[in-house]
Amino acid sequence: MLDPRWGPFLFDTSAESWLFRSNHPEVQAWIGDYLAHHQVHVSAVSVVERVRGFALLWRRAPEQRRAHIEAQRVAYLSEVRQVWPIDAGIAVVGGEIMALVPEPPTPPKRTHRALESRQERLARWHFDSLIAATALVRGMPLLHNNAADFEAIRGAIERSPTRVPQLGPLQLTRCTSVAQ
């Protein structure tokens, strides 16, 4: 099991969502221990992805569910702790990552009952690249739930270390390791 004191971590969007929705007692205990020592750190990109997800759910929901979805969105936004902006350094590293791995390494996903379009897949890939860049620039391990995409980024950086000098390797930790 991952020691929660080892943070702080940068939470990827899917990891943040999965960990805080989990009803698994070990995961809930880990989150409680983590929050006793650290804030939740996310990229501004994760806020964009989460708000977009709430908006898509709201638009597709029947009228009687919309108030509940809006309440969840407001609760999420009021609980967001440390949000790292996309500054010039993160933008540069993100651009380098996007050039190192120009195509998403994974197939389209199903999101909200629809298959991702190519445009959505590329947007998701670019978002993941910026989240990885945030972790690198901030020197934080990335807690993720998306091994294939982030491992592709880590591998590309290891093969071309001069493109992101002095930032070290991308430190990845799968969120499932908190419940083992």
Protein backbone atom coordinates (compact mmCIF):
# COMPACT_ATOMS: atom_id res chain seq x y z
CA MET A 1 0.00 0.00 0.00
CA LEU A 2 1.18 3.50 -0.88
CA ASP A 3 2.08 5.54 2.20
CA PRO A 4 -0.13 8.69 2.12
CA ARG A 5 2.62 10.68 3.86
CA TRP A 6 4.81 10.22 0.78
CA GLY A 7 3.01 13.03 -1.07
CA PRO A 8 1.99 15.47 -2.06
CA PHE A 9 0.89 14.00 -5.36
CA LEU A 10 -0.52 15.68 -8.41
CA PHE A 11 -3.85 13.94 -8.95
CA ASP A 12 -4.79 13.14 -12.54
CA THR A 13 -8.45 13.82 -13.33
CA SER A 14 -9.50 10.17 -13.47
CA ALA A 15 -7.58 9.31 -10.29
CA GLU A 16 -9.10 12.21 -8.37
CA SER A 17 -12.59 11.19 -9.49
CA TRP A 18 -12.07 7.46 -8.82
CA LEU A 19 -10.45 7.90 -5.41
CA PHE A 20 -13.06 10.31 -4.06
CA ARG A 21 -16.01 8.26 -5.38
CA SER A 22 -14.69 4.93 -4.13
CA ASN A 23 -16.65 3.15 -1.41
CA HIS A 24 -13.77 0.75 -0.77
CA PRO A 25 -12.81 1.05 2.95
CA GLU A 26 -9.06 0.92 2.23
CA VAL A 27 -9.34 3.71 -0.33
CA GLN A 28 -11.45 5.85 2.01
CA ALA A 29 -8.92 5.31 4.82
CA TRP A 30 -6.03 6.22 2.50
CA ILE A 31 -7.77 9.43 1.38
CA GLY A 32 -8.41 10.37 5.02
CA ASP A 33 -4.75 9.79 5.92
CA TYR A 34 -3.59 11.67 2.83
CA LEU A 35 -5.77 14.69 3.62
CA ALA A 36 -4.40 14.74 7.18
CA HIS A 37 -0.94 15.42 5.68
CA HIS A 38 -1.50 17.13 2.32
CA GLN A 39 -3.87 19.10 0.16
CA VAL A 40 -5.18 17.62 -3.07
CA HIS A 41 -3.11 19.09 -5.91
CA VAL A 42 -4.58 19.16 -9.42
CA SER A 43 -3.76 20.82 -12.70
CA ALA A 44 -6.11 23.49 -14.00
CA VAL A 45 -6.67 21.01 -16.82
CA SER A 46 -8.32 18.60 -14.36
CA VAL A 47 -10.76 21.33 -13.34
CA VAL A 48 -11.56 21.87 -17.04
CA GLU A 49 -12.13 18.13 -17.55
CA ARG A 50 -14.32 17.75 -14.45
CA VAL A 51 -16.45 20.82 -15.21
CA ARG A 52 -16.85 19.65 -18.81
CA GLY A 53 -17.96 16.24 -17.54
CA PHE A 54 -20.57 17.80 -15.26
CA ALA A 55 -21.79 20.02 -18.11
CA LEU A 56 -22.15 17.05 -20.47
CA LEU A 57 -24.04 15.06 -17.84
CA TRP A 58 -26.30 18.05 -17.13
CA ARG A 59 -27.11 18.59 -20.81
CA ARG A 60 -28.04 14.92 -21.34
CA ALA A 61 -29.90 14.45 -18.06
CA PRO A 62 -33.64 14.55 -17.64
CA GLU A 63 -34.87 17.74 -15.99
CA GLN A 64 -35.41 16.06 -12.60
CA ARG A 65 -31.69 15.04 -12.38
CA ARG A 66 -30.19 18.39 -13.36
CA ALA A 67 -30.38 19.98 -9.91
CA HIS A 68 -28.49 17.01 -8.43
CA ILE A 69 -25.77 17.22 -11.10
CA GLU A 70 -25.45 20.98 -10.57
CA ALA A 71 -25.13 20.43 -6.81
CA GLN A 72 -22.32 17.92 -7.45
CA ARG A 73 -20.55 20.43 -9.71
CA VAL A 74 -20.81 23.19 -7.11
CA ALA A 75 -19.60 20.81 -4.37
CA TYR A 76 -16.60 19.79 -6.48
CA LEU A 77 -15.66 23.41 -7.18
CA SER A 78 -15.97 24.37 -3.52
CA GLU A 79 -13.70 21.46 -2.48
CA VAL A 80 -10.94 21.97 -5.05
CA ARG A 81 -7.77 22.57 -3.06
CA GLN A 82 -4.48 23.46 -4.80
CA VAL A 83 -4.96 24.11 -8.52
CA TRP A 84 -1.75 24.54 -10.53
CA PRO A 85 -2.21 26.96 -13.46
CA ILE A 86 -0.79 26.38 -16.90
CA ASP A 87 2.11 28.81 -16.81
CA ALA A 88 4.85 29.35 -19.40
CA GLY A 89 7.07 26.52 -18.09
CA ILE A 90 4.23 23.99 -18.13
CA ALA A 91 3.17 25.19 -21.60
CA VAL A 92 6.70 24.66 -22.96
CA VAL A 93 7.05 21.18 -21.43
CA GLY A 94 3.52 20.29 -22.54
CA GLY A 95 4.35 21.31 -26.10
CA GLU A 96 7.50 19.18 -26.01
CA ILE A 97 5.50 16.17 -24.78
CA MET A 98 2.92 16.66 -27.53
CA ALA A 99 5.72 16.73 -30.10
CA LEU A 100 7.40 13.63 -28.61
CA VAL A 101 4.15 11.65 -28.71
CA PRO A 102 1.96 13.35 -31.34
CA GLU A 103 -0.73 10.63 -31.47
CA PRO A 104 -2.68 9.19 -28.55
CA PRO A 105 -1.30 5.74 -27.70
CA THR A 106 -4.68 4.34 -26.67
CA PRO A 107 -7.89 3.69 -28.60
CA PRO A 108 -10.98 5.88 -28.27
CA LYS A 109 -12.84 5.61 -24.96
CA ARG A 110 -16.52 5.48 -24.22
CA THR A 111 -17.51 8.62 -22.38
CA HIS A 112 -21.05 9.29 -21.21
CA ARG A 113 -22.31 6.37 -23.37
CA ALA A 114 -20.78 7.64 -26.63
CA LEU A 115 -17.59 6.62 -28.41
CA GLU A 116 -14.96 9.37 -28.44
CA SER A 117 -14.44 11.16 -31.74
CA ARG A 118 -10.91 11.67 -33.07
CA GLN A 119 -11.12 15.33 -32.04
CA GLU A 120 -12.14 14.40 -28.48
CA ARG A 121 -9.41 11.77 -28.29
CA LEU A 122 -6.76 14.29 -29.34
CA ALA A 123 -8.10 16.84 -26.83
CA ARG A 124 -7.93 14.21 -24.06
CA TRP A 125 -4.39 13.37 -25.12
CA HIS A 126 -3.36 17.02 -25.07
CA PHE A 127 -4.93 17.41 -21.63
CA ASP A 128 -2.97 14.38 -20.36
CA SER A 129 0.20 15.89 -21.81
CA LEU A 130 -0.40 19.13 -19.90
CA ILE A 131 -1.14 17.24 -16.68
CA ALA A 132 2.12 15.30 -17.08
CA ALA A 133 3.94 18.58 -17.78
CA THR A 134 2.49 20.05 -14.58
CA ALA A 135 3.79 17.07 -12.58
CA LEU A 136 7.25 17.41 -14.16
CA VAL A 137 7.56 21.18 -13.69
CA ARG A 138 6.22 21.07 -10.13
CA GLY A 139 8.41 18.05 -9.29
CA MET A 140 5.45 16.03 -8.05
CA PRO A 141 4.67 12.34 -8.50
CA LEU A 142 1.57 11.90 -10.66
CA LEU A 143 -1.17 9.78 -9.12
CA HIS A 144 -3.09 8.42 -12.08
CA ASN A 145 -5.63 5.89 -13.27
CA ASN A 146 -4.47 5.90 -16.87
CA ALA A 147 -1.38 3.72 -17.22
CA ALA A 148 -1.15 3.36 -21.00
CA ASP A 149 -1.19 7.07 -21.79
CA PHE A 150 1.11 8.21 -19.00
CA GLU A 151 3.57 5.35 -19.52
CA ALA A 152 3.85 6.43 -23.17
CA ILE A 153 4.73 9.93 -22.01
CA ARG A 154 7.26 8.67 -19.47
CA GLY A 155 8.89 6.42 -22.08
CA ALA A 156 9.13 9.24 -24.63
CA ILE A 157 10.77 11.53 -22.07
CA GLU A 158 13.25 8.82 -21.07
CA ARG A 159 14.20 8.32 -24.75
CA SER A 160 14.63 12.09 -25.29
CA PRO A 161 15.77 13.58 -21.96
CA THR A 162 17.31 16.65 -23.58
CA ARG A 163 13.82 17.88 -24.57
CA VAL A 164 12.88 18.37 -20.90
CA PRO A 165 16.27 18.85 -19.23
CA GLN A 166 16.70 18.99 -15.46
CA LEU A 167 13.13 17.92 -14.76
CA GLY A 168 13.95 14.30 -14.09
CA PRO A 169 11.77 11.37 -15.04
CA LEU A 170 8.00 11.49 -14.85
CA GLN A 171 7.19 9.81 -11.53
CA LEU A 172 4.03 7.74 -11.95
CA THR A 173 1.94 6.04 -9.26
CA ARG A 174 -1.25 4.17 -10.08
CA CYS A 175 -4.15 5.08 -7.85
CA THR A 176 -4.99 1.41 -7.41
CA SER A 177 -1.80 1.12 -5.33
CA VAL A 178 -3.54 2.90 -2.45
CA ALA A 179 -5.80 -0.11 -1.85
CA GLN A 180 -3.28 -2.94 -2.04
